[in-house]
Amino acid sequence: MSGRRFAGLTLAFNLFWTLAVSLRDAATIPLLLLALLAWLCSPPARRLPLLLLAALGVAMDALWLRCGLFSFNSSATFPGWMLALWLAFACWWPLFLQRYRLTWPWLMGLGALSGPFSYYLGERLGAMQLHQPGWQVFTLLAVGWALLLPASRKLIPGT
């Protein structure tokens, strides 16, 4: 994939993230449709692994919700816009893995930093509310993401 195409898709994912976190429930249906379109545009051999990665992300967030670390301000349950966000991430992430070919230690570090940072931004934008001290929430998120990103390489063929 060309650098320009990757940059465009990365910009599109970041715009998707911003819209999802900013508009939340007001945009759930369009977000779900866009995420589904991204999934349908993925190579057929990757579609099941992408769904599995999205499901792992949803399961991880559901665990944090169940443990009472945080809640999403728009919903008492798992909101549809977060489902869309996880599917969109799962569709973009293999492109990143193919482009950069990071080793496990780098993926762990990237996950430990970038995962919690995105939740921090989401909390600042009013998408979620912390129910435990920030250092506890973000430490647990760092551990979860440090495990998820390297594991995703095993899950998705060709990465």
Protein backbone atom coordinates (compact mmCIF):
# COMPACT_ATOMS: atom_id res chain seq x y z
CA MET A 1 0.00 0.00 0.00
CA SER A 2 1.31 3.44 -0.88
CA GLY A 3 2.25 5.88 1.83
CA ARG A 4 -0.41 8.32 0.64
CA ARG A 5 -3.16 5.72 0.80
CA PHE A 6 -2.09 4.62 4.27
CA ALA A 7 -1.97 8.25 5.44
CA GLY A 8 -5.45 8.85 4.00
CA LEU A 9 -6.89 5.76 5.69
CA THR A 10 -5.20 6.72 8.97
CA LEU A 11 -6.66 10.21 8.72
CA ALA A 12 -10.08 8.68 7.96
CA PHE A 13 -9.85 6.42 11.03
CA ASN A 14 -8.86 9.34 13.25
CA LEU A 15 -11.78 11.36 11.91
CA PHE A 16 -14.05 8.37 12.57
CA TRP A 17 -12.72 8.16 16.16
CA THR A 18 -13.31 11.89 16.68
CA LEU A 19 -16.86 11.72 15.34
CA ALA A 20 -17.67 8.60 17.36
CA VAL A 21 -16.41 10.07 20.63
CA SER A 22 -17.89 13.52 20.00
CA LEU A 23 -21.32 12.57 18.63
CA ARG A 24 -21.78 9.20 20.37
CA ASP A 25 -25.42 8.06 20.38
CA ALA A 26 -26.50 10.79 17.97
CA ALA A 27 -24.43 9.10 15.24
CA THR A 28 -24.63 5.41 16.17
CA ILE A 29 -26.40 4.22 13.01
CA PRO A 30 -24.14 6.07 10.53
CA LEU A 31 -21.06 4.99 12.50
CA LEU A 32 -22.16 1.34 12.48
CA LEU A 33 -22.88 1.52 8.75
CA LEU A 34 -19.47 3.08 8.00
CA ALA A 35 -17.69 0.49 10.14
CA LEU A 36 -19.61 -2.29 8.41
CA LEU A 37 -18.66 -0.83 5.02
CA ALA A 38 -14.99 -0.76 6.05
CA TRP A 39 -15.29 -4.40 7.11
CA LEU A 40 -16.97 -5.38 3.83
CA CYS A 41 -14.17 -3.63 1.90
CA SER A 42 -11.58 -5.71 3.77
CA PRO A 43 -10.13 -8.79 2.06
CA PRO A 44 -12.58 -11.70 2.52
CA ALA A 45 -9.91 -13.89 4.16
CA ARG A 46 -9.47 -11.24 6.86
CA ARG A 47 -13.08 -10.59 7.70
CA LEU A 48 -13.44 -13.23 10.42
CA PRO A 49 -10.14 -12.27 12.13
CA LEU A 50 -11.21 -8.62 12.04
CA LEU A 51 -14.49 -9.52 13.73
CA LEU A 52 -12.56 -11.51 16.33
CA LEU A 53 -10.26 -8.56 17.02
CA ALA A 54 -13.24 -6.23 17.38
CA ALA A 55 -14.89 -8.79 19.69
CA LEU A 56 -11.73 -8.95 21.82
CA GLY A 57 -11.75 -5.18 22.15
CA VAL A 58 -15.43 -5.15 23.08
CA ALA A 59 -14.80 -7.94 25.61
CA MET A 60 -11.92 -5.98 27.13
CA ASP A 61 -14.07 -2.86 27.48
CA ALA A 62 -16.97 -4.93 28.84
CA LEU A 63 -14.60 -6.29 31.50
CA TRP A 64 -13.58 -2.76 32.51
CA LEU A 65 -17.25 -1.75 32.66
CA ARG A 66 -18.12 -4.81 34.75
CA CYS A 67 -15.24 -4.08 37.13
CA GLY A 68 -16.57 -0.55 37.60
CA LEU A 69 -13.52 1.26 36.25
CA PHE A 70 -15.56 3.59 34.08
CA SER A 71 -18.88 3.97 32.31
CA PHE A 72 -19.86 5.44 29.00
CA ASN A 73 -21.89 8.57 29.60
CA SER A 74 -24.38 7.82 26.87
CA SER A 75 -25.39 4.33 27.95
CA ALA A 76 -25.90 2.07 30.92
CA THR A 77 -24.70 -0.80 28.73
CA PHE A 78 -22.17 -1.07 25.94
CA PRO A 79 -23.02 1.68 23.44
CA GLY A 80 -23.39 1.04 19.73
CA TRP A 81 -20.94 3.78 18.82
CA MET A 82 -18.23 1.88 20.74
CA LEU A 83 -19.06 -1.28 18.77
CA ALA A 84 -18.60 0.75 15.60
CA LEU A 85 -15.35 2.19 16.90
CA TRP A 86 -13.94 -1.25 17.69
CA LEU A 87 -14.87 -2.60 14.26
CA ALA A 88 -13.35 0.44 12.55
CA PHE A 89 -10.16 0.02 14.61
CA ALA A 90 -10.02 -3.68 13.73
CA CYS A 91 -10.24 -2.77 10.03
CA TRP A 92 -7.50 -0.12 10.23
CA TRP A 93 -5.07 -1.89 12.60
CA PRO A 94 -3.83 -4.58 10.14
CA LEU A 95 -2.81 -1.80 7.76
CA PHE A 96 -0.65 -0.33 10.51
CA LEU A 97 0.82 -3.74 11.33
CA GLN A 98 1.69 -4.39 7.69
CA ARG A 99 3.24 -0.98 7.21
CA TYR A 100 5.43 -0.85 10.32
CA ARG A 101 6.16 -4.50 11.19
CA LEU A 102 6.81 -3.68 14.84
CA THR A 103 8.13 -6.40 17.13
CA TRP A 104 6.23 -7.56 20.21
CA PRO A 105 8.07 -5.27 22.65
CA TRP A 106 7.31 -2.23 20.48
CA LEU A 107 3.67 -3.28 20.12
CA MET A 108 3.41 -3.70 23.90
CA GLY A 109 4.84 -0.22 24.46
CA LEU A 110 2.63 1.29 21.80
CA GLY A 111 -0.43 -0.35 23.34
CA ALA A 112 0.50 0.68 26.87
CA LEU A 113 0.73 4.33 25.79
CA SER A 114 -1.76 4.83 22.96
CA GLY A 115 -4.64 2.77 24.33
CA PRO A 116 -4.99 4.61 27.65
CA PHE A 117 -4.36 7.93 25.90
CA SER A 118 -7.38 7.43 23.65
CA TYR A 119 -9.55 6.72 26.71
CA TYR A 120 -8.11 9.78 28.43
CA LEU A 121 -9.12 11.88 25.43
CA GLY A 122 -12.55 10.22 25.41
CA GLU A 123 -12.99 11.06 29.08
CA ARG A 124 -11.95 14.67 28.45
CA LEU A 125 -14.47 14.88 25.57
CA GLY A 126 -17.27 13.65 27.85
CA ALA A 127 -17.72 10.18 26.35
CA MET A 128 -16.95 8.34 29.55
CA GLN A 129 -16.70 8.84 33.28
CA LEU A 130 -14.07 7.32 35.55
CA HIS A 131 -15.32 5.56 38.68
CA GLN A 132 -11.90 4.75 40.13
CA PRO A 133 -8.79 6.90 40.53
CA GLY A 134 -7.31 7.80 37.15
CA TRP A 135 -3.98 6.14 37.84
CA GLN A 136 -5.74 2.82 38.51
CA VAL A 137 -7.95 3.02 35.43
CA PHE A 138 -5.15 4.03 33.09
CA THR A 139 -2.72 1.47 34.53
CA LEU A 140 -5.20 -1.35 33.92
CA LEU A 141 -5.97 0.00 30.44
CA ALA A 142 -2.23 0.08 29.73
CA VAL A 143 -1.89 -3.58 30.70
CA GLY A 144 -4.91 -4.58 28.61
CA TRP A 145 -3.72 -2.72 25.53
CA ALA A 146 -0.12 -3.91 25.99
CA LEU A 147 -1.48 -7.45 25.68
CA LEU A 148 -4.10 -6.80 22.99
CA LEU A 149 -1.89 -5.20 20.35
CA PRO A 150 0.78 -7.92 20.21
CA ALA A 151 -1.89 -10.64 20.35
CA SER A 152 -3.64 -9.06 17.38
CA ARG A 153 -0.66 -9.89 15.18
CA LYS A 154 -1.25 -13.61 15.82
CA LEU A 155 -4.94 -13.21 15.12
CA ILE A 156 -4.74 -11.45 11.75
CA PRO A 157 -3.07 -13.34 8.89
CA GLY A 158 -0.40 -11.55 6.90
CA THR A 159 0.57 -9.09 9.57
